[in-house]
Protein backbone atom coordinates (compact mmCIF):
# COMPACT_ATOMS: atom_id res chain seq x y z
CA MET A 1 38.41 -20.85 5.28
CA ASP A 2 41.91 -21.57 6.50
CA PHE A 3 44.91 -19.99 4.80
CA GLU A 4 45.47 -22.82 2.44
CA ALA A 5 41.79 -22.66 1.27
CA ALA A 6 41.93 -18.94 1.15
CA THR A 7 45.05 -18.85 -1.21
CA GLN A 8 43.40 -21.64 -3.42
CA TYR A 9 40.12 -19.53 -3.65
CA LEU A 10 42.34 -16.54 -4.90
CA GLN A 11 44.32 -18.64 -7.32
CA ALA A 12 41.02 -19.98 -8.79
CA LEU A 13 39.98 -16.43 -9.54
CA GLY A 14 42.72 -16.40 -12.17
CA ASN A 15 45.94 -14.53 -12.74
CA GLU A 16 46.11 -10.92 -11.25
CA VAL A 17 47.18 -9.48 -14.43
CA THR A 18 45.43 -11.38 -17.09
CA THR A 19 42.03 -11.25 -15.45
CA MET A 20 42.38 -7.49 -14.64
CA LYS A 21 38.95 -5.62 -14.66
CA LEU A 22 39.16 -1.85 -14.22
CA GLY A 23 36.07 -0.27 -12.68
CA LEU A 24 34.41 0.61 -9.23
CA GLU A 25 30.97 -0.58 -9.40
CA ALA A 26 31.69 -4.15 -7.98
CA MET A 27 33.89 -2.68 -5.24
CA ARG A 28 31.41 -0.25 -4.15
CA VAL A 29 28.55 -2.85 -3.92
CA LEU A 30 30.89 -5.32 -2.14
CA LEU A 31 32.24 -2.83 0.42
CA ALA A 32 28.51 -1.69 1.18
CA GLU A 33 27.73 -5.22 1.87
CA LEU A 34 30.78 -5.36 4.40
CA GLY A 35 29.57 -2.27 6.19
CA GLN A 36 31.90 0.20 4.41
CA PRO A 37 35.09 -0.63 6.15
CA GLU A 38 37.00 1.85 4.02
CA ARG A 39 35.22 4.55 5.82
CA LYS A 40 36.46 3.50 9.30
CA PHE A 41 40.11 4.63 8.78
CA CYS A 42 41.99 7.56 7.31
CA ALA A 43 44.02 6.75 4.22
CA VAL A 44 46.92 8.20 2.35
CA HIS A 45 46.36 7.18 -1.34
CA VAL A 46 49.53 6.79 -3.79
CA ALA A 47 49.63 6.19 -7.44
CA GLY A 48 52.35 6.22 -9.96
CA THR A 49 54.51 4.31 -12.25
CA ASN A 50 57.94 4.09 -10.43
CA GLY A 51 58.41 4.64 -6.76
CA LYS A 52 55.05 4.35 -5.53
CA GLY A 53 55.70 1.33 -3.41
CA SER A 54 58.81 2.72 -1.98
CA THR A 55 57.11 6.01 -1.15
CA CYS A 56 54.35 4.01 0.56
CA ALA A 57 56.93 2.37 2.67
CA PHE A 58 58.55 5.46 3.60
CA LEU A 59 55.29 6.98 4.68
CA ALA A 60 54.11 3.89 6.63
CA SER A 61 57.38 4.08 8.33
CA ILE A 62 57.30 7.63 9.27
CA PHE A 63 53.69 7.53 10.56
CA GLN A 64 54.63 4.26 12.71
CA GLN A 65 57.47 6.14 14.24
CA ALA A 66 55.14 9.04 15.05
CA GLY A 67 53.10 6.54 17.29
CA LEU A 68 50.05 6.00 14.94
CA ARG A 69 48.61 2.67 14.43
CA THR A 70 49.63 2.49 10.82
CA GLY A 71 48.34 0.03 7.93
CA LEU A 72 50.13 -0.59 4.56
CA TYR A 73 48.53 -2.08 1.59
CA THR A 74 50.73 -2.69 -1.29
CA SER A 75 51.02 -4.97 -4.44
CA PRO A 76 52.13 -7.23 -5.85
CA HIS A 77 53.65 -9.68 -3.37
CA LEU A 78 57.04 -11.45 -3.56
CA VAL A 79 56.17 -14.87 -2.08
CA SER A 80 52.82 -14.81 -0.05
CA PRO A 81 49.72 -12.42 -0.25
CA VAL A 82 50.28 -11.75 3.45
CA GLU A 83 53.03 -9.31 2.52
CA ARG A 84 50.47 -6.95 0.94
CA ILE A 85 48.59 -6.29 4.20
CA ARG A 86 50.72 -4.75 7.07
CA LEU A 87 49.97 -3.16 10.40
CA ASN A 88 52.70 -1.39 12.33
CA GLY A 89 55.39 -3.09 10.06
CA GLN A 90 53.94 -6.69 10.54
CA SER A 91 52.37 -8.68 7.90
CA ILE A 92 48.98 -9.86 8.58
CA THR A 93 48.81 -13.37 10.03
CA GLU A 94 47.72 -16.33 7.88
CA ALA A 95 44.81 -16.88 10.23
CA ALA A 96 43.65 -13.24 10.16
CA PHE A 97 44.05 -13.21 6.36
CA ALA A 98 41.88 -16.33 6.09
CA HIS A 99 39.39 -14.64 8.39
CA ALA A 100 39.21 -11.33 6.46
CA LEU A 101 38.91 -13.11 3.17
CA THR A 102 36.18 -15.39 4.40
CA GLU A 103 34.11 -12.41 5.36
CA VAL A 104 34.49 -11.03 1.82
CA CYS A 105 33.69 -14.41 0.19
CA LYS A 106 30.46 -14.55 2.30
CA ALA A 107 29.51 -11.01 1.11
CA VAL A 108 30.28 -11.90 -2.39
CA GLU A 109 28.06 -15.09 -2.21
CA ALA A 110 25.10 -13.10 -0.76
CA LEU A 111 25.47 -10.41 -3.40
CA LEU A 112 25.57 -13.06 -6.26
CA LYS A 113 22.51 -14.82 -4.84
CA ARG A 114 20.54 -11.57 -4.62
CA GLY A 115 21.68 -10.55 -8.14
CA GLN A 116 23.46 -7.45 -7.08
CA LEU A 117 26.68 -8.70 -8.53
CA VAL A 118 26.61 -9.99 -12.07
CA ALA A 119 30.05 -11.81 -11.67
CA ARG A 120 32.51 -12.75 -9.01
CA PRO A 121 35.06 -9.91 -8.21
CA THR A 122 38.59 -10.12 -9.35
CA PHE A 123 41.52 -11.31 -7.36
CA PHE A 124 42.58 -7.80 -6.68
CA GLU A 125 39.09 -6.71 -5.74
CA HIS A 126 38.84 -9.42 -3.24
CA LEU A 127 42.13 -8.83 -1.75
CA THR A 128 41.31 -5.04 -1.57
CA ALA A 129 38.13 -5.63 0.24
CA ALA A 130 39.83 -8.02 2.66
CA ALA A 131 42.57 -5.54 3.43
CA PHE A 132 39.99 -2.75 4.14
CA THR A 133 38.01 -5.06 6.30
CA TYR A 134 41.20 -6.01 8.34
CA PHE A 135 42.19 -2.50 8.82
CA ALA A 136 38.80 -1.53 10.05
CA GLU A 137 38.62 -4.57 12.39
CA GLN A 138 42.14 -3.58 13.72
CA ALA A 139 41.17 0.08 14.41
CA ALA A 140 44.04 1.22 12.19
CA GLU A 141 44.29 5.08 12.64
CA LEU A 142 46.05 5.79 9.20
CA VAL A 143 46.39 3.36 6.26
CA VAL A 144 48.93 3.95 3.33
CA VAL A 145 47.35 2.56 0.16
CA GLU A 146 49.08 1.86 -3.03
CA VAL A 147 47.08 1.90 -6.26
CA GLY A 148 47.11 -1.47 -8.06
CA LEU A 149 46.90 -0.42 -11.73
CA GLY A 150 46.41 3.04 -12.97
CA GLY A 151 44.02 5.18 -10.63
CA ARG A 152 40.87 6.32 -11.85
CA LEU A 153 39.20 2.89 -12.09
CA ASP A 154 41.60 1.00 -9.60
CA ALA A 155 39.66 -0.97 -7.00
CA THR A 156 41.34 1.12 -4.40
CA ASN A 157 39.90 4.41 -5.81
CA VAL A 158 36.74 3.86 -3.61
CA LEU A 159 38.70 5.71 -0.91
CA TYR A 160 38.17 9.36 0.00
CA PRO A 161 41.56 9.86 1.53
CA THR A 162 43.09 12.44 3.69
CA ALA A 163 45.83 13.09 1.03
CA SER A 164 46.67 11.87 -2.53
CA VAL A 165 50.16 11.38 -3.78
CA ILE A 166 51.45 10.83 -7.39
CA THR A 167 55.09 9.55 -7.87
CA ASN A 168 56.95 9.69 -11.21
CA ILE A 169 54.86 8.55 -14.20
CA GLY A 170 56.46 6.35 -16.99
CA GLU A 171 55.13 4.17 -19.64
CA ASP A 172 53.37 1.05 -18.16
CA HIS A 173 50.26 -1.06 -18.80
CA GLN A 174 49.51 0.73 -21.94
CA GLU A 175 47.07 -1.69 -23.07
CA TRP A 176 44.76 -0.55 -19.98
CA LEU A 177 45.94 2.94 -19.54
CA GLY A 178 46.46 4.21 -23.07
CA PRO A 179 49.28 4.76 -25.50
CA THR A 180 51.12 7.99 -24.23
CA LEU A 181 52.21 9.56 -21.17
CA THR A 182 49.48 11.99 -21.25
CA HIS A 183 46.93 9.11 -21.31
CA ILE A 184 48.63 7.29 -18.33
CA ALA A 185 49.10 10.39 -16.37
CA ARG A 186 45.34 11.26 -16.73
CA GLU A 187 44.38 7.77 -15.45
CA LYS A 188 46.82 7.80 -12.49
CA ALA A 189 45.28 11.53 -11.65
CA GLY A 190 41.98 10.02 -11.21
CA ILE A 191 42.74 9.52 -7.58
CA ILE A 192 42.62 13.28 -7.04
CA LYS A 193 39.48 14.31 -5.06
CA PRO A 194 38.06 17.78 -4.60
CA GLY A 195 39.17 19.30 -1.32
CA VAL A 196 41.86 16.53 -0.79
CA PRO A 197 45.52 17.80 -0.72
CA VAL A 198 47.49 16.48 -3.59
CA TYR A 199 51.25 16.03 -3.92
CA PHE A 200 53.29 15.29 -7.09
CA ALA A 201 56.78 14.13 -7.56
CA ALA A 202 58.54 17.26 -9.14
CA THR A 203 60.71 15.09 -11.19
CA GLN A 204 58.04 14.13 -13.72
CA LEU A 205 58.62 14.26 -17.40
CA GLU A 206 57.08 17.34 -18.94
CA GLU A 207 54.13 15.45 -20.76
CA ALA A 208 53.05 13.85 -17.73
CA ARG A 209 53.54 17.08 -15.59
CA GLN A 210 51.18 19.01 -17.84
CA ALA A 211 48.55 16.15 -17.70
CA LEU A 212 48.73 16.09 -13.73
CA ALA A 213 48.56 19.97 -13.49
CA GLN A 214 45.50 19.99 -15.67
CA ALA A 215 43.83 17.15 -13.69
CA ALA A 216 44.36 18.97 -10.44
CA LEU A 217 42.99 22.20 -11.87
CA ALA A 218 39.78 20.28 -13.18
CA GLN A 219 39.29 19.06 -9.47
CA ARG A 220 39.93 22.78 -8.24
CA VAL A 221 42.96 21.47 -6.15
CA VAL A 222 46.23 23.23 -5.97
CA PRO A 223 48.87 20.45 -6.14
CA GLN A 224 52.07 20.57 -4.18
CA TRP A 225 55.03 19.75 -6.33
CA VAL A 226 57.70 18.26 -4.20
CA ASP A 227 61.40 18.43 -5.15
CA PRO A 228 63.89 15.63 -4.14
CA PHE A 229 66.25 15.81 -1.22
CA ASP A 230 69.78 17.11 -1.93
CA MET A 231 72.26 14.22 -1.84
CA ALA A 232 75.28 14.72 0.44
CA GLY A 233 76.82 11.48 -0.43
CA VAL A 234 76.25 7.63 -0.32
CA ASP A 235 77.23 4.96 2.13
CA PRO A 236 79.40 1.90 0.91
CA THR A 237 76.49 0.02 -0.21
CA GLY A 238 74.79 2.85 -2.12
CA ARG A 239 72.35 4.12 0.43
CA PRO A 240 71.79 8.04 -0.19
CA VAL A 241 72.88 10.39 2.60
CA VAL A 242 70.43 13.38 2.19
CA SER A 243 70.47 16.64 3.76
CA PHE A 244 67.19 18.39 5.08
CA ASP A 245 66.29 21.83 3.74
CA ALA A 246 64.07 24.77 5.00
CA ARG A 247 60.95 22.64 4.15
CA PHE A 248 61.48 20.86 7.45
CA PRO A 249 61.74 23.21 10.33
CA GLY A 250 64.12 21.99 13.00
CA LEU A 251 66.03 19.67 10.68
CA GLU A 252 67.73 22.16 8.38
CA GLY A 253 71.24 20.89 7.65
CA LYS A 254 70.69 17.77 9.38
CA LEU A 255 71.92 14.54 7.47
CA CYS A 256 70.07 11.43 7.16
CA CYS A 257 70.97 8.02 5.56
CA LEU A 258 67.80 6.54 3.72
CA ALA A 259 67.23 2.99 4.45
CA LEU A 260 66.52 2.37 0.68
CA ARG A 261 69.17 2.36 -1.94
CA GLY A 262 69.43 4.46 -5.22
CA LYS A 263 69.39 8.16 -6.01
CA HIS A 264 65.99 7.89 -7.22
CA GLN A 265 64.88 7.38 -3.76
CA THR A 266 65.78 11.06 -2.78
CA GLN A 267 62.62 11.86 -4.62
CA ASN A 268 60.50 9.21 -3.02
CA ALA A 269 61.71 9.88 0.29
CA ALA A 270 61.15 13.71 0.09
CA LEU A 271 57.69 13.14 -1.12
CA ALA A 272 56.86 10.94 1.78
CA ALA A 273 58.53 13.36 4.26
CA VAL A 274 56.51 16.33 3.02
CA VAL A 275 53.20 14.41 2.92
CA ALA A 276 53.89 12.92 6.40
CA GLN A 277 54.78 16.39 7.85
CA ASP A 278 51.57 17.92 6.73
CA GLU A 279 49.42 14.88 7.86
CA LEU A 280 51.00 14.92 11.31
CA ARG A 281 50.64 18.66 11.59
CA ARG A 282 46.93 18.39 10.88
CA ARG A 283 46.82 15.78 13.70
CA GLY A 284 48.44 18.06 16.17
CA VAL A 285 51.84 16.36 16.63
CA ALA A 286 54.39 18.77 17.86
CA GLU A 287 57.17 19.85 15.39
CA ALA A 288 59.90 18.17 17.37
CA GLY A 289 57.93 15.01 17.27
CA ILE A 290 57.47 15.31 13.72
CA GLY A 291 61.19 15.83 13.00
CA ARG A 292 62.06 12.66 14.99
CA ALA A 293 59.56 10.66 13.31
CA ILE A 294 60.59 11.58 9.72
CA VAL A 295 64.30 10.99 10.41
CA SER A 296 63.65 7.63 12.27
CA GLY A 297 61.11 6.66 9.59
CA LEU A 298 63.41 7.39 6.75
CA GLU A 299 66.20 5.46 8.21
CA THR A 300 64.32 2.36 9.20
CA THR A 301 62.13 1.84 6.24
CA TYR A 302 61.81 -1.86 5.25
CA TRP A 303 61.05 -2.57 1.58
CA PRO A 304 62.30 -6.06 0.36
CA GLY A 305 63.28 -6.73 -3.16
CA ARG A 306 64.06 -3.16 -4.12
CA LEU A 307 67.75 -2.72 -4.22
CA GLN A 308 67.97 -4.96 -1.24
CA TRP A 309 71.69 -5.77 -0.22
CA LEU A 310 72.62 -9.05 1.21
CA ALA A 311 76.09 -9.02 2.86
CA THR A 312 76.92 -12.32 1.82
CA THR A 313 80.26 -13.48 0.13
CA PRO A 314 80.09 -12.17 -2.51
CA PRO A 315 77.27 -9.91 -1.81
CA VAL A 316 73.80 -10.14 -3.38
CA LEU A 317 71.73 -7.20 -4.64
CA LEU A 318 68.05 -7.83 -5.50
CA ASP A 319 65.91 -5.35 -7.38
CA ALA A 320 62.37 -5.82 -8.84
CA ALA A 321 63.19 -3.58 -11.91
CA HIS A 322 60.61 -4.83 -14.26
CA ASN A 323 60.19 -1.87 -16.70
CA PRO A 324 62.64 0.23 -18.67
CA GLN A 325 62.50 3.19 -16.22
CA GLY A 326 63.34 0.77 -13.29
CA ALA A 327 66.15 -1.02 -15.28
CA GLN A 328 67.70 2.51 -16.02
CA ALA A 329 67.45 3.43 -12.34
CA LEU A 330 69.22 0.31 -11.46
CA ALA A 331 72.01 0.86 -14.02
CA GLY A 332 72.28 4.29 -12.52
CA PHE A 333 72.66 2.85 -8.93
CA LEU A 334 75.39 0.46 -10.21
CA GLU A 335 77.45 3.38 -11.59
CA THR A 336 77.52 4.67 -8.12
CA LEU A 337 79.01 1.60 -6.66
CA SER A 338 82.86 1.68 -6.25
CA GLY A 339 84.27 -1.75 -7.01
CA TYR A 340 82.28 -4.96 -6.78
CA ARG A 341 83.59 -6.34 -10.01
CA PRO A 342 83.05 -8.59 -11.82
CA ARG A 343 79.36 -8.72 -11.63
CA THR A 344 77.02 -11.45 -12.54
CA ALA A 345 73.19 -11.09 -13.07
CA VAL A 346 70.54 -13.52 -12.62
CA PHE A 347 67.83 -12.59 -14.93
CA ALA A 348 64.23 -13.59 -15.77
CA THR A 349 61.08 -11.78 -16.75
CA MET A 350 57.41 -12.11 -17.89
CA ARG A 351 56.34 -12.26 -21.54
CA ASP A 352 54.54 -9.02 -21.38
CA LYS A 353 57.66 -6.98 -20.41
CA PRO A 354 60.20 -5.69 -22.75
CA ALA A 355 63.24 -7.86 -22.14
CA ALA A 356 65.59 -6.08 -24.38
CA GLU A 357 64.89 -2.81 -22.78
CA LEU A 358 65.48 -4.33 -19.36
CA LEU A 359 68.74 -5.81 -20.37
CA ALA A 360 70.39 -3.02 -22.52
CA PRO A 361 70.72 -0.50 -19.78
CA LEU A 362 72.72 -3.04 -17.80
CA SER A 363 75.15 -4.13 -20.68
CA SER A 364 78.04 -2.09 -19.46
CA SER A 365 77.49 -2.55 -15.77
CA VAL A 366 77.19 -6.40 -15.61
CA ASP A 367 79.93 -8.77 -16.82
CA SER A 368 78.06 -12.03 -17.11
CA LEU A 369 74.39 -13.05 -17.22
CA VAL A 370 72.69 -16.20 -16.05
CA LEU A 371 69.27 -16.60 -17.52
CA THR A 372 66.46 -18.55 -15.85
CA GLU A 373 62.65 -18.87 -15.55
CA VAL A 374 60.30 -18.46 -12.61
CA ALA A 375 58.67 -21.50 -11.26
CA ASN A 376 54.87 -21.83 -11.32
CA GLN A 377 54.41 -18.63 -13.61
CA PRO A 378 53.06 -19.49 -16.93
CA ARG A 379 53.98 -15.90 -18.02
CA THR A 380 57.70 -16.45 -17.52
CA THR A 381 59.64 -15.72 -20.74
CA PRO A 382 61.44 -18.88 -22.10
CA ARG A 383 65.26 -18.98 -21.59
CA ALA A 384 65.74 -19.52 -25.22
CA THR A 385 64.03 -16.24 -26.10
CA LEU A 386 66.05 -14.32 -23.50
CA GLN A 387 69.25 -16.01 -24.68
CA ALA A 388 68.64 -14.59 -28.29
CA ILE A 389 67.92 -11.07 -26.92
CA ALA A 390 70.84 -11.16 -24.42
CA GLN A 391 73.51 -12.06 -26.95
CA ASN A 392 72.86 -8.65 -28.51
CA TYR A 393 74.43 -7.18 -25.63
CA TRP A 394 76.92 -9.81 -24.19
CA PRO A 395 79.22 -12.23 -25.84
CA PRO A 396 77.84 -15.69 -25.98
CA SER A 397 80.51 -16.89 -23.70
CA ARG A 398 79.18 -14.49 -21.06
CA VAL A 399 75.58 -15.67 -21.21
CA VAL A 400 74.57 -19.06 -19.42
CA SER A 401 71.21 -20.54 -18.99
CA SER A 402 69.83 -22.29 -15.94
CA PRO A 403 66.65 -24.30 -15.48
CA SER A 404 65.74 -22.94 -11.91
CA VAL A 405 66.31 -19.67 -9.73
CA ALA A 406 68.12 -21.84 -7.07
CA HIS A 407 70.37 -23.26 -9.73
CA ALA A 408 70.87 -19.82 -11.32
CA LEU A 409 72.04 -18.50 -7.86
CA ALA A 410 74.49 -21.34 -7.44
CA GLN A 411 75.90 -20.72 -11.05
CA ALA A 412 76.38 -17.10 -10.27
CA ARG A 413 78.24 -17.86 -7.24
CA GLU A 414 80.63 -20.11 -9.22
CA LEU A 415 81.08 -17.17 -11.79
CA THR A 416 81.53 -14.43 -9.17
CA PRO A 417 84.71 -14.14 -7.05
CA HIS A 418 84.42 -12.72 -3.35
CA GLU A 419 85.25 -9.24 -4.58
CA GLY A 420 82.28 -9.32 -7.25
CA LEU A 421 78.73 -8.89 -6.85
CA ILE A 422 75.60 -11.07 -7.71
CA LEU A 423 72.50 -8.90 -9.08
CA VAL A 424 69.09 -10.50 -9.41
CA PHE A 425 66.61 -8.42 -11.30
CA GLY A 426 63.89 -8.49 -14.04
CA SER A 427 60.73 -9.55 -12.26
CA MET A 428 59.08 -9.30 -8.79
CA TYR A 429 58.41 -13.06 -9.10
CA LEU A 430 62.12 -13.75 -9.68
CA VAL A 431 63.02 -11.57 -6.61
CA GLY A 432 60.67 -13.35 -4.46
CA GLU A 433 61.75 -16.77 -5.44
CA ALA A 434 65.45 -15.76 -5.02
CA LEU A 435 64.72 -14.38 -1.60
CA GLN A 436 62.93 -17.53 -0.67
CA ALA A 437 65.89 -19.60 -1.85
CA LEU A 438 68.22 -17.51 0.02
CA GLY A 439 66.10 -17.76 3.33
CA GLU A 440 66.03 -13.83 3.37
CA LEU A 441 62.32 -12.84 3.23
CA VAL A 442 60.98 -11.39 6.43
CA LEU A 443 57.15 -11.21 6.62
């Protein structure tokens, strides 16, 4: 297959969310047919609700700065599936992506023919197997792997990692993971393995904290609860300046400006730094080298679409906040920005997301709203539905509707003076389409 055929094959498998199937049996059979690629590299496995992608990006950046041949597997993508599979900071090429997926498809066909698979694996299972195949072929030394959904039955949980990490847990995918934080936390804690170090974000809600502690105890693992960095300030675009403490020998008192914006990143960055420090020590890296890698890694992390600042006129801020916790974090970030008023938000979301809970936290931080729909996404919420919800929080004169993302961006520019700010939020797909329209996505 070439890249176009590979992407068409994936699309024919169905929507990643609506065809989601939890369970490990198919992945284990498929990876065995592929020669167990997941056993040919070391992995750090990361689960959570909010912050797991950022934590993965920080980790991969630190490991790369330490000189390790570093893989990164994340989901979903903004525009192209190649974004999900990175080696040393570079997305897999379209040719290499097609090759890896072709190998997976050959294995699937052989298994189906022999009756060892009763059905074709899902979109995510195919991609995960392709990613592991690529990392094995490329002799990656360490791969940071983000859980797709949940943890216990997620396709990535075939790994036996060198460390397991769980970021903050909130309410998400309750139709799959259960109705309460306890249920959700237990599912995410399913990545904990006996004998494998496990690290938890210390800023967990109490209900999730108790469930995680119980899960670690059941696996006879003593977890490390990682506190966030202390903030020493923010730069003009909202990037936190943090100070190192006694957890990091040789760095005490040193200041570091995180590459990713938002106060919540102080937790994600600290979690990544502690995990990376321990892993690099296990590999025999000198303390001075570890310190340099941590500082450089935190300052240079690239993670598009997450409080991403474009220095245009007016500036554009893009954030993939698509659940209530993400919207609240975004609102908190906007409160830290001095100036940049008035603000116009471009908003779209998916039908399975609580639009009212995404819009309400932003009602005092955003002056005008441009509602739109994401192209080629059958799950996108109709503008009329969004308009009815939005008028509970903004006067009708401050809410406009636009037929496309590109048109919505143009309308936002007309509404926003040079000293203001344009915000794009509500969906990964929206942010991806916006970045593409703006010509800003770096693969």
